[in-house]
């Protein structure tokens, strides 16, 4: 078996071509390293039919219905109809930061979103996508057929980078428009008003959604390794700052740790699964963290 782990380094993935290839390598590399897959296919309890779409598994074709109607229908089972995921990717300007890892937070978040979409559709569940800054500028409703994956991946390769973000607005929008209970995955650096983000998370939980926050951060933001006089570029309408980082490090790290602690506490209090993703981490770490929170939410 080919060792896919070599492809899980974000820097290696960044040099590869198509996003569908990256998504496949991430997922297959992750699965290859597991002793037992946590994924589940169709359950044995039949729920309903839906019309066949090219790419569907023909093992689930209902040939009796075809014989009566001369049309192709797939049997949907209870597990397929119960799992609906909504991936929400923040593509605002702060997500474009690229540190020593060589991969921006947005690129990393895109790989995570693509891998999750690939994985969810591979196990015959439905997934939708919200791309947002201050507003949602691209929205794809959930679907589970193979052709839908191409639409999702195409959307992830044509991202906009709005200067500002409004995470709270996005979460409220998803909560209002999504009537069916599902899993909402927020992929963001969370650089926004914490109170507004918290209100959005509470709104989703009030609507009985399972919520997972994948907090994408650059290693520079976490460790603040700068030594020499540095011009820090302001993003999302913040001013540039020329400063000696050694004089700022202690205060910065205290402030940043307070920010992380506040986010973790808010998520814990609202039963929201929370994971920090460092852009220097291999993608199997990111995928494992997501699946662990998902498994924990289902217990």
Protein backbone atom coordinates (compact mmCIF):
# COMPACT_ATOMS: atom_id res chain seq x y z
CA UNK A 1 0.00 0.00 0.00
CA UNK A 2 1.29 3.44 -0.87
CA UNK A 3 2.34 5.53 2.13
CA UNK A 4 -0.01 8.51 1.89
CA UNK A 5 1.39 10.18 5.01
CA UNK A 6 4.00 11.96 2.93
CA UNK A 7 1.15 13.95 1.36
CA UNK A 8 -0.30 15.10 4.67
CA UNK A 9 2.26 17.88 5.18
CA UNK A 10 0.45 21.15 4.30
CA UNK A 11 3.55 22.40 2.45
CA UNK A 12 3.56 19.30 0.25
CA UNK A 13 -0.17 19.59 -0.38
CA UNK A 14 0.31 23.21 -1.36
CA UNK A 15 2.54 22.12 -4.23
CA UNK A 16 0.02 19.61 -5.59
CA UNK A 17 -2.45 20.49 -8.28
CA UNK A 18 -6.18 19.93 -8.02
CA UNK A 19 -8.11 20.23 -4.80
CA UNK A 20 -9.94 16.95 -5.40
CA UNK A 21 -6.55 15.20 -5.46
CA UNK A 22 -5.55 16.90 -2.21
CA UNK A 23 -8.82 15.96 -0.55
CA UNK A 24 -8.49 12.33 -1.65
CA UNK A 25 -4.91 12.07 -0.44
CA UNK A 26 -5.75 13.58 2.95
CA UNK A 27 -8.64 11.19 3.51
CA UNK A 28 -6.95 8.07 2.13
CA UNK A 29 -3.77 8.83 4.03
CA UNK A 30 -5.77 9.23 7.21
CA UNK A 31 -7.76 6.04 6.69
CA UNK A 32 -4.62 4.07 5.77
CA UNK A 33 -3.14 4.91 9.15
CA UNK A 34 -6.15 3.70 11.14
CA UNK A 35 -6.69 0.31 12.74
CA UNK A 36 -10.46 0.57 12.44
CA UNK A 37 -12.47 3.02 10.37
CA UNK A 38 -14.96 5.18 12.33
CA UNK A 39 -17.03 5.70 9.20
CA UNK A 40 -20.37 4.01 8.77
CA UNK A 41 -22.17 3.37 5.50
CA UNK A 42 -25.90 2.88 5.11
CA UNK A 43 -27.77 1.49 8.08
CA UNK A 44 -30.06 -1.49 7.58
CA UNK A 45 -33.24 0.52 8.14
CA UNK A 46 -34.75 1.66 4.85
CA UNK A 47 -36.15 5.21 4.82
CA UNK A 48 -37.08 6.35 1.31
CA UNK A 49 -36.10 6.52 -2.39
CA UNK A 50 -34.41 9.25 -4.33
CA UNK A 51 -33.64 9.49 -8.03
CA UNK A 52 -30.31 8.13 -9.17
CA UNK A 53 -27.51 10.64 -9.86
CA UNK A 54 -24.35 9.66 -11.81
CA UNK A 55 -21.72 8.67 -9.26
CA UNK A 56 -24.14 6.98 -6.84
CA UNK A 57 -23.30 3.47 -5.70
CA UNK A 58 -25.35 1.14 -7.95
CA UNK A 59 -25.37 -1.49 -5.20
CA UNK A 60 -28.22 0.52 -3.68
CA UNK A 61 -30.25 0.68 -6.88
CA UNK A 62 -33.85 -0.50 -6.47
CA UNK A 63 -34.28 -2.71 -9.52
CA UNK A 64 -37.90 -3.54 -8.68
CA UNK A 65 -38.80 0.13 -8.93
CA UNK A 66 -36.86 0.34 -12.21
CA UNK A 67 -38.84 -2.63 -13.55
CA UNK A 68 -42.11 -0.88 -12.75
CA UNK A 69 -41.22 2.68 -13.77
CA UNK A 70 -38.26 2.34 -16.17
CA UNK A 71 -36.49 4.96 -14.01
CA UNK A 72 -33.49 4.58 -11.75
CA UNK A 73 -33.95 5.11 -8.00
CA UNK A 74 -31.55 4.69 -5.10
CA UNK A 75 -32.64 3.29 -1.74
CA UNK A 76 -31.87 5.79 1.00
CA UNK A 77 -31.46 4.42 4.46
CA UNK A 78 -31.97 5.94 7.87
CA UNK A 79 -28.35 6.88 8.51
CA UNK A 80 -28.04 8.70 5.16
CA UNK A 81 -31.16 10.74 5.77
CA UNK A 82 -30.14 11.65 9.33
CA UNK A 83 -26.64 13.01 8.75
CA UNK A 84 -26.53 16.50 7.25
CA UNK A 85 -23.38 18.61 7.67
CA UNK A 86 -22.85 22.31 6.96
CA UNK A 87 -19.26 23.46 6.42
CA UNK A 88 -18.75 27.19 7.05
CA UNK A 89 -15.40 28.57 5.87
CA UNK A 90 -14.23 32.06 6.82
CA UNK A 91 -12.28 33.53 3.90
CA UNK A 92 -11.81 37.06 5.25
CA UNK A 93 -8.54 38.96 4.98
CA UNK A 94 -7.06 37.80 8.30
CA UNK A 95 -7.30 34.21 7.07
CA UNK A 96 -4.81 35.00 4.29
CA UNK A 97 -1.93 35.34 6.79
CA UNK A 98 0.96 33.08 5.83
CA UNK A 99 3.75 32.55 8.36
CA UNK A 100 6.81 30.32 8.49
CA UNK A 101 4.73 27.22 7.72
CA UNK A 102 4.40 28.51 4.14
CA UNK A 103 0.65 27.82 4.07
CA UNK A 104 -1.96 30.47 4.81
CA UNK A 105 -4.77 29.87 7.28
CA UNK A 106 -7.20 30.08 4.37
CA UNK A 107 -5.35 27.47 2.33
CA UNK A 108 -5.21 25.19 5.35
CA UNK A 109 -8.89 25.73 6.08
CA UNK A 110 -9.68 24.96 2.44
CA UNK A 111 -7.82 21.63 2.65
CA UNK A 112 -9.72 20.75 5.83
CA UNK A 113 -13.08 21.67 4.26
CA UNK A 114 -12.29 19.72 1.09
CA UNK A 115 -11.21 16.64 3.03
CA UNK A 116 -14.31 16.73 5.21
CA UNK A 117 -16.58 17.15 2.18
CA UNK A 118 -14.86 14.22 0.47
CA UNK A 119 -15.16 12.07 3.58
CA UNK A 120 -18.81 12.91 4.27
CA UNK A 121 -19.94 12.25 0.69
CA UNK A 122 -17.80 9.12 0.54
CA UNK A 123 -19.80 7.70 3.45
CA UNK A 124 -23.05 8.62 1.69
CA UNK A 125 -24.00 11.55 3.94
CA UNK A 126 -25.04 15.05 2.88
CA UNK A 127 -22.85 18.15 3.11
CA UNK A 128 -23.36 21.82 2.26
CA UNK A 129 -20.98 24.77 2.15
CA UNK A 130 -21.09 28.40 3.26
CA UNK A 131 -18.28 30.76 2.22
CA UNK A 132 -18.34 34.05 4.05
CA UNK A 133 -16.66 37.26 5.09
CA UNK A 134 -18.91 40.01 6.35
CA UNK A 135 -21.73 38.28 4.41
CA UNK A 136 -22.26 34.85 2.91
CA UNK A 137 -21.14 35.21 -0.70
CA UNK A 138 -21.46 31.56 -1.78
CA UNK A 139 -23.89 28.98 -0.45
CA UNK A 140 -24.32 25.39 -1.59
CA UNK A 141 -27.18 23.41 0.00
CA UNK A 142 -26.44 19.95 1.40
CA UNK A 143 -26.44 16.95 -0.94
CA UNK A 144 -24.86 13.51 -0.85
CA UNK A 145 -24.25 12.51 -4.47
CA UNK A 146 -20.81 12.36 -6.05
CA UNK A 147 -21.44 15.17 -8.53
CA UNK A 148 -22.12 17.51 -5.60
CA UNK A 149 -18.54 17.04 -4.42
CA UNK A 150 -17.29 18.58 -7.67
CA UNK A 151 -19.45 21.65 -7.04
CA UNK A 152 -18.09 21.98 -3.50
CA UNK A 153 -14.47 21.65 -4.56
CA UNK A 154 -14.96 24.10 -7.41
CA UNK A 155 -16.39 26.65 -4.95
CA UNK A 156 -13.35 26.15 -2.70
CA UNK A 157 -11.01 26.94 -5.58
CA UNK A 158 -12.74 30.24 -6.41
CA UNK A 159 -12.67 31.93 -3.02
CA UNK A 160 -13.13 35.63 -2.44
CA UNK A 161 -11.21 37.38 0.34
CA UNK A 162 -13.45 40.07 1.85
CA UNK A 163 -11.61 42.55 4.05
CA UNK A 164 -13.93 42.08 7.03
CA UNK A 165 -15.68 39.17 8.68
CA UNK A 166 -18.89 38.84 10.65
CA UNK A 167 -18.97 35.36 12.14
CA UNK A 168 -21.96 36.09 14.32
CA UNK A 169 -24.05 37.08 11.31
CA UNK A 170 -23.05 33.92 9.48
CA UNK A 171 -24.02 31.69 12.41
CA UNK A 172 -27.37 33.44 12.87
CA UNK A 173 -28.01 33.07 9.13
CA UNK A 174 -27.27 29.34 9.18
CA UNK A 175 -29.45 28.88 12.27
CA UNK A 176 -32.39 30.71 10.68
CA UNK A 177 -32.19 29.04 7.26
CA UNK A 178 -31.41 25.50 8.39
CA UNK A 179 -34.61 23.99 9.70
CA UNK A 180 -33.40 20.41 9.86
CA UNK A 181 -31.09 19.52 12.74
CA UNK A 182 -27.55 18.85 11.58
CA UNK A 183 -23.85 19.28 12.26
CA UNK A 184 -22.44 22.77 11.70
CA UNK A 185 -18.67 23.01 11.29
CA UNK A 186 -17.14 26.50 11.58
CA UNK A 187 -13.63 26.83 10.11
CA UNK A 188 -12.19 30.21 11.09
CA UNK A 189 -9.47 32.07 12.99
CA UNK A 190 -12.31 33.64 15.05
CA UNK A 191 -10.81 37.12 14.76
CA UNK A 192 -14.08 38.92 15.40
CA UNK A 193 -16.14 40.30 18.29
CA UNK A 194 -16.25 37.36 20.77
CA UNK A 195 -19.69 38.38 22.08
CA UNK A 196 -21.23 38.26 18.61
CA UNK A 197 -19.60 34.89 17.88
CA UNK A 198 -20.94 33.52 21.18
CA UNK A 199 -24.46 34.69 20.41
CA UNK A 200 -24.30 32.97 17.02
CA UNK A 201 -23.10 29.72 18.58
CA UNK A 202 -25.89 29.85 21.15
CA UNK A 203 -28.44 30.40 18.38
CA UNK A 204 -27.27 27.24 16.61
CA UNK A 205 -27.36 25.23 19.82
CA UNK A 206 -30.83 26.58 20.58
CA UNK A 207 -31.89 25.10 17.23
CA UNK A 208 -30.45 21.75 18.42
CA UNK A 209 -27.57 21.64 15.93
CA UNK A 210 -24.34 19.89 16.85
CA UNK A 211 -21.66 22.56 16.46
CA UNK A 212 -17.94 22.07 15.92
CA UNK A 213 -15.47 24.97 15.86
CA UNK A 214 -12.18 24.32 14.04
CA UNK A 215 -10.04 27.23 15.14
CA UNK A 216 -7.38 27.71 12.44
CA UNK A 217 -4.28 29.58 13.64
CA UNK A 218 -0.80 30.15 12.33
CA UNK A 219 2.11 29.01 14.48
CA UNK A 220 3.38 32.62 14.47
CA UNK A 221 0.17 33.73 16.16
CA UNK A 222 0.44 31.01 18.78
CA UNK A 223 4.15 31.33 19.67
CA UNK A 224 4.98 34.90 18.51
CA UNK A 225 8.57 33.92 17.55
CA UNK A 226 9.64 37.30 16.11
CA UNK A 227 12.96 38.74 17.28
CA UNK A 228 13.95 41.73 15.13
CA UNK A 229 12.20 45.05 14.61
CA UNK A 230 9.14 44.08 12.57
CA UNK A 231 6.47 45.86 10.58
CA UNK A 232 3.23 44.05 11.41
CA UNK A 233 0.77 44.50 8.57
CA UNK A 234 -2.75 45.37 9.65
CA UNK A 235 -5.51 43.19 8.25
CA UNK A 236 -9.27 43.72 8.16
CA UNK A 237 -8.91 47.53 8.36
CA UNK A 238 -6.43 47.44 11.26
CA UNK A 239 -3.42 49.81 10.97
CA UNK A 240 0.16 48.65 10.35
CA UNK A 241 2.43 48.59 13.40
CA UNK A 242 6.23 48.93 13.51
CA UNK A 243 7.45 47.48 16.81
CA UNK A 244 10.15 45.60 18.67
CA UNK A 245 8.52 42.17 19.21
CA UNK A 246 10.70 41.39 22.21
CA UNK A 247 9.08 44.25 24.08
CA UNK A 248 5.61 43.01 23.13
CA UNK A 249 5.98 39.25 23.52
CA UNK A 250 4.94 38.81 27.16
CA UNK A 251 1.88 41.05 26.88
CA UNK A 252 0.93 39.56 23.50
CA UNK A 253 1.13 35.96 24.72
CA UNK A 254 -0.93 36.80 27.81
CA UNK A 255 -3.56 38.50 25.67
CA UNK A 256 -3.62 35.68 23.14
CA UNK A 257 -3.89 32.99 25.80
CA UNK A 258 -6.75 34.92 27.34
CA UNK A 259 -8.43 34.96 23.93
CA UNK A 260 -8.05 31.18 23.55
CA UNK A 261 -9.21 30.53 27.10
CA UNK A 262 -12.30 32.65 26.53
CA UNK A 263 -13.16 30.80 23.32
CA UNK A 264 -12.67 27.38 24.91
CA UNK A 265 -14.78 28.34 27.93
CA UNK A 266 -17.62 29.69 25.77
CA UNK A 267 -17.64 26.53 23.65
CA UNK A 268 -17.54 24.24 26.68
CA UNK A 269 -20.41 26.07 28.38
CA UNK A 270 -22.55 25.76 25.26
CA UNK A 271 -21.69 22.14 24.41
CA UNK A 272 -19.79 23.16 21.30
CA UNK A 273 -16.87 20.93 20.29
CA UNK A 274 -13.72 23.02 19.90
CA UNK A 275 -10.35 22.21 18.32
CA UNK A 276 -7.32 24.38 17.54
CA UNK A 277 -5.71 23.64 14.18
CA UNK A 278 -2.14 24.88 13.79
CA UNK A 279 -1.20 25.40 10.11
CA UNK A 280 2.11 23.64 10.79
CA UNK A 281 0.26 20.43 11.72
CA UNK A 282 -0.11 17.58 9.27
CA UNK A 283 -3.63 17.24 7.92
CA UNK A 284 -4.22 13.85 9.55
CA UNK A 285 -4.04 15.65 12.91
CA UNK A 286 -6.76 18.05 11.77
CA UNK A 287 -8.98 15.27 10.47
CA UNK A 288 -8.46 13.15 13.59
CA UNK A 289 -9.42 16.08 15.81
CA UNK A 290 -12.62 16.66 13.85
CA UNK A 291 -13.64 12.98 13.92
CA UNK A 292 -12.87 12.73 17.63
CA UNK A 293 -15.18 15.64 18.42
CA UNK A 294 -17.84 14.16 16.15
CA UNK A 295 -17.57 10.78 17.86
CA UNK A 296 -17.76 12.46 21.26
CA UNK A 297 -20.87 14.39 20.24
CA UNK A 298 -22.63 11.16 19.26
CA UNK A 299 -22.03 9.34 22.55
